[in-house]
């Protein structure tokens, strides 16, 4: 199991077409801050029907889109 699986399950279970989650919201889902390894793990989201879109360092948000 990936350390990011709780996030992927959250996306899948809530069934929205897209999400814009703040780093803080992601931390609340996962229980830890996202780090550089997120870039490696983001491809796992496709297994749950989502892809990672824009990651904004300035706004501290991550976009997810249903595929």
N, C-alpha and C. Protein backbone atom coordinates (compact mmCIF):
# COMPACT_ATOMS: atom_id res chain seq x y z
N UNK A 1 0.84 -1.18 0.00
CA UNK A 1 0.00 0.00 0.00
C UNK A 1 0.89 1.25 0.00
N UNK A 2 0.53 2.18 -0.85
CA UNK A 2 1.24 3.44 -0.97
C UNK A 2 0.89 4.36 0.20
N UNK A 3 1.83 5.20 0.59
CA UNK A 3 1.54 6.14 1.66
C UNK A 3 0.49 7.18 1.24
N UNK A 4 0.25 7.30 -0.07
CA UNK A 4 -0.74 8.25 -0.58
C UNK A 4 -2.10 7.61 -0.86
N UNK A 5 -2.23 6.32 -0.59
CA UNK A 5 -3.50 5.64 -0.87
C UNK A 5 -4.71 6.28 -0.19
N UNK A 6 -4.61 6.75 1.05
CA UNK A 6 -5.78 7.41 1.64
C UNK A 6 -6.28 8.61 0.81
N UNK A 7 -5.38 9.32 0.19
CA UNK A 7 -5.77 10.45 -0.67
C UNK A 7 -6.47 9.95 -1.91
N UNK A 8 -5.94 8.92 -2.53
CA UNK A 8 -6.55 8.39 -3.75
C UNK A 8 -7.95 7.83 -3.44
N UNK A 9 -8.09 7.15 -2.31
CA UNK A 9 -9.41 6.64 -1.92
C UNK A 9 -10.38 7.78 -1.65
N UNK A 10 -9.90 8.84 -1.02
CA UNK A 10 -10.75 10.01 -0.77
C UNK A 10 -11.31 10.56 -2.07
N UNK A 11 -10.46 10.71 -3.08
CA UNK A 11 -10.90 11.22 -4.37
C UNK A 11 -11.96 10.31 -4.97
N UNK A 12 -11.68 9.02 -4.96
CA UNK A 12 -12.59 8.04 -5.58
C UNK A 12 -13.93 7.98 -4.85
N UNK A 13 -13.91 7.99 -3.53
CA UNK A 13 -15.13 7.85 -2.75
C UNK A 13 -16.04 9.07 -2.85
N UNK A 14 -15.48 10.25 -3.05
CA UNK A 14 -16.29 11.46 -3.12
C UNK A 14 -16.80 11.75 -4.53
N UNK A 15 -16.25 11.10 -5.53
CA UNK A 15 -16.77 11.06 -6.90
C UNK A 15 -17.03 12.41 -7.56
N UNK A 16 -16.22 13.40 -7.27
CA UNK A 16 -16.36 14.68 -7.96
C UNK A 16 -15.60 14.60 -9.29
N UNK A 17 -15.98 15.47 -10.23
CA UNK A 17 -15.28 15.51 -11.51
C UNK A 17 -13.89 16.12 -11.37
N UNK A 18 -13.75 17.06 -10.43
CA UNK A 18 -12.44 17.66 -10.20
C UNK A 18 -12.36 18.16 -8.76
N UNK A 19 -11.15 18.29 -8.31
CA UNK A 19 -10.87 18.77 -6.96
C UNK A 19 -9.76 19.80 -7.04
N UNK A 20 -9.82 20.76 -6.16
CA UNK A 20 -8.71 21.67 -5.92
C UNK A 20 -8.50 21.63 -4.41
N UNK A 21 -7.52 20.86 -4.00
CA UNK A 21 -7.26 20.67 -2.58
C UNK A 21 -6.03 21.46 -2.16
N UNK A 22 -6.12 22.09 -1.02
CA UNK A 22 -4.96 22.80 -0.48
C UNK A 22 -4.00 21.78 0.14
N UNK A 23 -2.77 22.19 0.32
CA UNK A 23 -1.80 21.31 0.98
C UNK A 23 -2.32 20.93 2.37
N UNK A 24 -2.99 21.88 3.04
CA UNK A 24 -3.51 21.62 4.38
C UNK A 24 -4.62 20.57 4.35
N UNK A 25 -5.51 20.66 3.36
CA UNK A 25 -6.57 19.65 3.23
C UNK A 25 -5.97 18.27 2.96
N UNK A 26 -4.95 18.22 2.13
CA UNK A 26 -4.28 16.95 1.84
C UNK A 26 -3.63 16.41 3.10
N UNK A 27 -3.01 17.30 3.87
CA UNK A 27 -2.40 16.88 5.14
C UNK A 27 -3.44 16.29 6.08
N UNK A 28 -4.64 16.89 6.12
CA UNK A 28 -5.70 16.37 6.98
C UNK A 28 -6.17 14.99 6.54
N UNK A 29 -6.16 14.73 5.24
CA UNK A 29 -6.56 13.42 4.71
C UNK A 29 -5.49 12.37 4.99
N UNK A 30 -4.23 12.75 4.77
CA UNK A 30 -3.12 11.80 4.88
C UNK A 30 -2.56 11.66 6.29
N UNK A 31 -2.59 12.76 7.04
CA UNK A 31 -1.96 12.75 8.35
C UNK A 31 -0.51 13.20 8.32
N UNK A 32 -0.06 13.65 7.15
CA UNK A 32 1.31 14.17 7.00
C UNK A 32 1.34 15.13 5.82
N UNK A 33 2.37 15.98 5.79
CA UNK A 33 2.55 16.92 4.69
C UNK A 33 3.01 16.19 3.44
N UNK A 34 2.54 16.64 2.27
CA UNK A 34 3.08 16.08 1.04
C UNK A 34 4.50 16.61 0.87
N UNK A 35 5.32 15.81 0.23
CA UNK A 35 6.70 16.22 -0.02
C UNK A 35 7.06 15.92 -1.46
N UNK A 36 8.33 16.02 -1.78
CA UNK A 36 8.78 15.84 -3.16
C UNK A 36 8.42 14.46 -3.71
N UNK A 37 8.30 13.46 -2.84
CA UNK A 37 7.96 12.11 -3.30
C UNK A 37 6.57 12.07 -3.95
N UNK A 38 5.73 13.06 -3.66
CA UNK A 38 4.40 13.11 -4.26
C UNK A 38 4.50 13.07 -5.78
N UNK A 39 5.52 13.69 -6.33
CA UNK A 39 5.70 13.71 -7.78
C UNK A 39 5.90 12.31 -8.35
N UNK A 40 6.52 11.45 -7.58
CA UNK A 40 6.71 10.06 -8.00
C UNK A 40 5.43 9.26 -7.85
N UNK A 41 4.71 9.48 -6.77
CA UNK A 41 3.52 8.70 -6.47
C UNK A 41 2.27 9.16 -7.20
N UNK A 42 2.29 10.36 -7.78
CA UNK A 42 1.06 10.90 -8.37
C UNK A 42 0.49 10.04 -9.48
N UNK A 43 1.31 9.24 -10.14
CA UNK A 43 0.81 8.36 -11.20
C UNK A 43 -0.15 7.30 -10.66
N UNK A 44 -0.07 6.99 -9.37
CA UNK A 44 -0.96 6.01 -8.75
C UNK A 44 -2.42 6.47 -8.78
N UNK A 45 -2.65 7.76 -8.84
CA UNK A 45 -4.02 8.28 -8.81
C UNK A 45 -4.84 7.76 -9.99
N UNK A 46 -4.18 7.43 -11.08
CA UNK A 46 -4.88 6.92 -12.27
C UNK A 46 -5.58 5.60 -11.98
N UNK A 47 -5.02 4.81 -11.08
CA UNK A 47 -5.65 3.54 -10.71
C UNK A 47 -6.99 3.77 -10.00
N UNK A 48 -7.20 4.98 -9.50
CA UNK A 48 -8.42 5.33 -8.78
C UNK A 48 -9.31 6.26 -9.61
N UNK A 49 -8.96 6.44 -10.88
CA UNK A 49 -9.80 7.21 -11.78
C UNK A 49 -9.53 8.70 -11.85
N UNK A 50 -8.40 9.13 -11.32
CA UNK A 50 -8.05 10.55 -11.32
C UNK A 50 -6.62 10.76 -11.80
N UNK A 51 -6.39 11.97 -12.31
CA UNK A 51 -5.02 12.35 -12.62
C UNK A 51 -4.71 13.65 -11.90
N UNK A 52 -3.45 13.80 -11.55
CA UNK A 52 -3.00 15.00 -10.88
C UNK A 52 -2.77 16.07 -11.95
N UNK A 53 -3.39 17.21 -11.74
CA UNK A 53 -3.22 18.33 -12.66
C UNK A 53 -2.17 19.28 -12.14
N UNK A 54 -2.52 20.55 -12.13
CA UNK A 54 -1.58 21.60 -11.72
C UNK A 54 -1.28 21.51 -10.22
N UNK A 55 0.00 21.60 -9.92
CA UNK A 55 0.46 21.70 -8.54
C UNK A 55 0.98 23.12 -8.39
N UNK A 56 0.31 23.92 -7.59
CA UNK A 56 0.69 25.32 -7.41
C UNK A 56 1.45 25.51 -6.11
N UNK A 57 2.73 25.82 -6.24
CA UNK A 57 3.54 26.10 -5.07
C UNK A 57 3.14 27.44 -4.45
N UNK A 58 2.72 28.37 -5.28
CA UNK A 58 2.34 29.70 -4.82
C UNK A 58 1.04 29.65 -4.01
N UNK A 59 0.01 29.00 -4.57
CA UNK A 59 -1.28 28.90 -3.90
C UNK A 59 -1.32 27.76 -2.88
N UNK A 60 -0.33 26.87 -2.96
CA UNK A 60 -0.28 25.68 -2.11
C UNK A 60 -1.52 24.82 -2.32
N UNK A 61 -1.79 24.51 -3.60
CA UNK A 61 -2.92 23.68 -3.97
C UNK A 61 -2.51 22.64 -4.99
N UNK A 62 -3.32 21.60 -5.09
CA UNK A 62 -3.15 20.55 -6.09
C UNK A 62 -4.50 20.32 -6.75
N UNK A 63 -4.49 20.30 -8.08
CA UNK A 63 -5.70 20.02 -8.84
C UNK A 63 -5.74 18.53 -9.21
N UNK A 64 -6.92 17.95 -9.12
CA UNK A 64 -7.15 16.56 -9.52
C UNK A 64 -8.32 16.55 -10.47
N UNK A 65 -8.24 15.73 -11.52
CA UNK A 65 -9.30 15.66 -12.52
C UNK A 65 -9.67 14.21 -12.76
N UNK A 66 -10.98 13.96 -12.81
CA UNK A 66 -11.47 12.62 -13.09
C UNK A 66 -11.14 12.26 -14.54
N UNK A 67 -10.68 11.01 -14.76
CA UNK A 67 -10.35 10.58 -16.13
C UNK A 67 -11.36 9.55 -16.62
